[in-house]
Structure formats: structure tokens, C-alpha cells
Amino acid sequence: MTAHVAELPQELRRRIPFIERPTCSVDDAVQATGLSRSLLYERMRAGELDYIKVGNRRLVNVSSLLKMLGT
């Protein structure tokens, strides 16, 4: 059984800060970095940006993204 978001304690409803996330969506990576989606996908294909696939969805490894950016 899953709980409705409104039923969760306040501390569980807050979003995890970007830098502390293990992964993020490609859209979140675009917003956080200002890089284009096509550039991120290019880096993933080149093996320069780690990601995992869940179904058809790609989740970018945040530490790999930060390393690619040199931070």
C-alpha cells in the first residue's frame, strides 16, 4: 500500500537537494546545468556521463554530471 504524499511527514515531502541526489532526470540535469538535452545525450553515448536506464527513462548519475562539469 502506498501513502498519499499529503500523508507523509513534512521532512519526507521536501525535495532532496540536487547535489545530494544519486540520480536525476535528463530534464533536471538540463535545468541544473543549462546544457542542452542533445549535448547531455551525446555525452552519455560517448561514455563521458554515467546514467542508468529504467524502462525507457534515463537517469543521470549526479556525481558523474558534476565531475563532467569540473565541480
C-alpha atoms as a PDB file:
ATOM      1  CA  MET A   1       0.000   0.000   0.000  1.00  0.00           C
ATOM      2  CA  THR A   2       1.389   3.437  -0.909  1.00  0.00           C
ATOM      3  CA  ALA A   3       0.811   6.560   1.130  1.00  0.00           C
ATOM      4  CA  HIS A   4      -0.554   9.699  -0.451  1.00  0.00           C
ATOM      5  CA  VAL A   5       2.052  12.498  -0.485  1.00  0.00           C
ATOM      6  CA  ALA A   6      -0.064  14.666   1.824  1.00  0.00           C
ATOM      7  CA  GLU A   7       0.024  11.855   4.414  1.00  0.00           C
ATOM      8  CA  LEU A   8       3.820  11.761   4.512  1.00  0.00           C
ATOM      9  CA  PRO A   9       5.716  13.627   7.251  1.00  0.00           C
ATOM     10  CA  GLN A  10       6.944  17.098   6.268  1.00  0.00           C
ATOM     11  CA  GLU A  11      10.619  16.023   6.114  1.00  0.00           C
ATOM     12  CA  LEU A  12       9.785  13.323   3.555  1.00  0.00           C
ATOM     13  CA  ARG A  13       7.813  15.700   1.333  1.00  0.00           C
ATOM     14  CA  ARG A  14      10.757  18.040   0.763  1.00  0.00           C
ATOM     15  CA  ARG A  15      12.889  17.502  -2.307  1.00  0.00           C
ATOM     16  CA  ILE A  16      16.411  16.252  -1.817  1.00  0.00           C
ATOM     17  CA  PRO A  17      18.932  18.987  -2.721  1.00  0.00           C
ATOM     18  CA  PHE A  18      20.281  18.401  -6.223  1.00  0.00           C
ATOM     19  CA  ILE A  19      23.882  17.809  -5.160  1.00  0.00           C
ATOM     20  CA  GLU A  20      22.759  15.088  -2.700  1.00  0.00           C
ATOM     21  CA  ARG A  21      20.679  13.111  -5.208  1.00  0.00           C
ATOM     22  CA  PRO A  22      22.130   9.871  -6.541  1.00  0.00           C
ATOM     23  CA  THR A  23      20.443  10.417  -9.921  1.00  0.00           C
ATOM     24  CA  CYS A  24      18.290  12.968 -11.707  1.00  0.00           C
ATOM     25  CA  SER A  25      16.178  13.081 -14.828  1.00  0.00           C
ATOM     26  CA  VAL A  26      17.629  14.475 -18.034  1.00  0.00           C
ATOM     27  CA  ASP A  27      15.229  17.439 -17.678  1.00  0.00           C
ATOM     28  CA  ASP A  28      16.559  18.140 -14.157  1.00  0.00           C
ATOM     29  CA  ALA A  29      20.141  17.930 -15.491  1.00  0.00           C
ATOM     30  CA  VAL A  30      19.266  20.433 -18.234  1.00  0.00           C
ATOM     31  CA  GLN A  31      17.754  22.851 -15.693  1.00  0.00           C
ATOM     32  CA  ALA A  32      20.627  22.475 -13.232  1.00  0.00           C
ATOM     33  CA  THR A  33      23.421  22.934 -15.768  1.00  0.00           C
ATOM     34  CA  GLY A  34      21.995  24.986 -18.611  1.00  0.00           C
ATOM     35  CA  LEU A  35      23.348  22.418 -21.063  1.00  0.00           C
ATOM     36  CA  SER A  36      21.151  21.190 -23.898  1.00  0.00           C
ATOM     37  CA  ARG A  37      19.421  17.811 -23.872  1.00  0.00           C
ATOM     38  CA  SER A  38      21.229  16.852 -27.065  1.00  0.00           C
ATOM     39  CA  LEU A  39      24.630  17.604 -25.509  1.00  0.00           C
ATOM     40  CA  LEU A  40      23.790  15.500 -22.445  1.00  0.00           C
ATOM     41  CA  TYR A  41      22.658  12.584 -24.628  1.00  0.00           C
ATOM     42  CA  GLU A  42      25.831  12.975 -26.720  1.00  0.00           C
ATOM     43  CA  ARG A  43      27.964  12.748 -23.557  1.00  0.00           C
ATOM     44  CA  MET A  44      26.012   9.676 -22.422  1.00  0.00           C
ATOM     45  CA  ARG A  45      26.602   7.959 -25.789  1.00  0.00           C
ATOM     46  CA  ALA A  46      30.304   8.853 -25.609  1.00  0.00           C
ATOM     47  CA  GLY A  47      30.564   7.303 -22.136  1.00  0.00           C
ATOM     48  CA  GLU A  48      31.507  10.640 -20.542  1.00  0.00           C
ATOM     49  CA  LEU A  49      28.312  10.846 -18.483  1.00  0.00           C
ATOM     50  CA  ASP A  50      27.094   7.904 -16.422  1.00  0.00           C
ATOM     51  CA  TYR A  51      23.401   7.037 -16.386  1.00  0.00           C
ATOM     52  CA  ILE A  52      21.054   4.160 -15.786  1.00  0.00           C
ATOM     53  CA  LYS A  53      18.018   3.133 -17.785  1.00  0.00           C
ATOM     54  CA  VAL A  54      14.756   2.344 -16.058  1.00  0.00           C
ATOM     55  CA  GLY A  55      12.403   1.203 -18.775  1.00  0.00           C
ATOM     56  CA  ASN A  56      12.687   3.902 -21.436  1.00  0.00           C
ATOM     57  CA  ARG A  57      13.774   6.540 -18.930  1.00  0.00           C
ATOM     58  CA  ARG A  58      17.388   7.602 -18.449  1.00  0.00           C
ATOM     59  CA  LEU A  59      18.516   8.771 -15.025  1.00  0.00           C
ATOM     60  CA  VAL A  60      21.755  10.740 -14.974  1.00  0.00           C
ATOM     61  CA  ASN A  61      24.267   9.976 -12.238  1.00  0.00           C
ATOM     62  CA  VAL A  62      24.575  13.335 -10.436  1.00  0.00           C
ATOM     63  CA  SER A  63      28.167  12.778  -9.277  1.00  0.00           C
ATOM     64  CA  SER A  64      29.152  11.957 -12.879  1.00  0.00           C
ATOM     65  CA  LEU A  65      27.388  15.116 -14.081  1.00  0.00           C
ATOM     66  CA  LEU A  66      29.225  17.250 -11.503  1.00  0.00           C
ATOM     67  CA  LYS A  67      32.530  15.598 -12.442  1.00  0.00           C
ATOM     68  CA  MET A  68      31.881  16.325 -16.122  1.00  0.00           C
ATOM     69  CA  LEU A  69      31.286  19.972 -15.204  1.00  0.00           C
ATOM     70  CA  GLY A  70      34.510  20.079 -13.174  1.00  0.00           C
ATOM     71  CA  THR A  71      32.831  20.814  -9.833  1.00  0.00           C
END
